[in-house]
Protein backbone atom coordinates (compact mmCIF):
# COMPACT_ATOMS: atom_id res chain seq x y z
CA PHE A 1 137.09 117.17 147.49
CA LEU A 2 137.57 113.71 146.46
CA THR A 3 134.35 111.55 145.60
CA PRO A 4 134.22 108.16 147.90
CA ALA A 5 134.18 105.17 145.71
CA PRO A 6 130.53 104.17 146.87
CA VAL A 7 129.11 107.62 145.16
CA ALA A 8 131.55 107.07 142.46
CA ASP A 9 129.98 103.63 142.18
CA PHE A 10 126.50 105.01 141.98
CA MET A 11 126.90 107.72 139.57
CA ALA A 12 128.35 105.13 137.00
CA SER A 13 125.26 103.19 137.62
CA LEU A 14 122.99 106.43 136.39
CA PHE A 15 124.11 106.17 132.58
CA GLY A 16 121.46 104.85 130.57
CA PRO A 17 122.31 102.62 126.96
CA LEU A 18 125.88 103.46 125.61
CA PRO A 19 127.25 103.63 122.11
CA GLU A 20 129.93 101.32 120.75
CA THR A 21 132.67 104.01 121.74
CA VAL A 22 132.06 106.31 124.63
CA ARG A 23 133.35 109.86 124.65
CA LEU A 24 133.96 110.77 128.39
CA LEU A 25 134.53 114.01 130.08
CA ASP A 26 135.59 114.10 133.75
CA ALA A 27 136.48 118.12 133.72
CA GLY A 28 137.35 117.53 137.81
CA ALA A 29 139.10 114.22 137.70
CA GLY A 30 140.86 114.37 140.92
CA ALA A 31 142.68 110.96 141.34
CA GLY A 32 139.62 109.39 138.85
CA ALA A 33 137.15 107.84 140.64
CA LEU A 34 134.55 108.47 138.72
CA THR A 35 136.33 107.64 135.54
CA ALA A 36 137.73 104.72 137.15
CA ALA A 37 133.86 103.59 138.61
CA PHE A 38 132.36 104.07 134.93
CA VAL A 39 135.40 101.70 133.52
CA SER A 40 134.70 99.27 136.01
CA ARG A 41 131.00 99.05 134.95
CA VAL A 42 131.21 99.18 131.45
CA CYS A 43 134.10 95.99 131.97
CA LYS A 44 131.74 94.00 133.64
CA GLN A 45 129.11 94.13 130.99
CA PRO A 46 130.85 95.29 127.62
CA ASP A 47 127.50 94.26 125.79
CA THR A 48 128.12 97.25 122.78
CA VAL A 49 130.86 98.96 124.14
CA HIS A 50 133.97 98.30 122.31
CA ALA A 51 136.03 101.25 123.08
CA ILE A 52 136.15 104.17 125.76
CA ASP A 53 138.09 107.76 124.88
CA ALA A 54 138.11 109.52 128.29
CA THR A 55 139.49 113.54 128.04
CA LEU A 56 140.04 114.44 131.97
CA PHE A 57 141.20 117.31 133.47
CA GLU A 58 143.23 117.85 136.85
CA ARG A 59 145.15 121.29 137.89
CA ASP A 60 146.30 119.99 141.04
CA PRO A 61 149.96 118.36 140.58
CA PHE A 62 149.95 116.82 143.96
CA ILE A 63 146.88 114.50 142.32
CA GLN A 64 148.28 114.00 138.60
CA GLY A 65 150.47 111.19 139.67
CA ALA A 66 147.65 109.22 141.15
CA LEU A 67 145.06 110.19 138.05
CA LEU A 68 148.04 108.69 135.68
CA MET A 69 148.07 105.83 137.52
CA ALA A 70 144.05 105.08 137.76
CA MET A 71 143.78 105.77 134.23
CA GLN A 72 146.47 103.35 133.37
CA GLY A 73 144.75 100.40 135.53
CA CYS A 74 141.61 101.23 133.55
CA GLN A 75 143.65 100.70 130.25
CA GLN A 76 144.34 97.18 131.75
CA VAL A 77 140.88 96.64 133.11
CA CYS A 78 139.45 97.40 129.25
CA ALA A 79 142.21 95.23 127.95
CA GLN A 80 141.28 92.10 129.81
CA ALA A 81 137.71 92.97 128.79
CA GLY A 82 138.52 93.29 125.43
CA LEU A 83 137.86 96.96 125.10
CA ARG A 84 140.26 99.82 124.23
CA PHE A 85 140.91 102.32 126.32
CA THR A 86 142.47 105.50 125.60
CA PHE A 87 142.79 108.92 127.73
CA THR A 88 144.06 112.49 127.35
């Protein structure tokens, strides 16, 4: 199932202090809601984070296009906040 945005936002709020470079693993990425919520939260308060490196896995070919678009959106949001965002 795909994670609803309010649940993804709540889950993103559960992270504690973060390092300068965050390495994020999203093993069942779907359309990228959890990663996007995390990126959004970090970019609103980028205190110590300078970079996010995300590794995402999604096997459903019907969702992979939406995931790619979401991660490209994350790159734009991070660039506007002065953060580096890469994804695989």
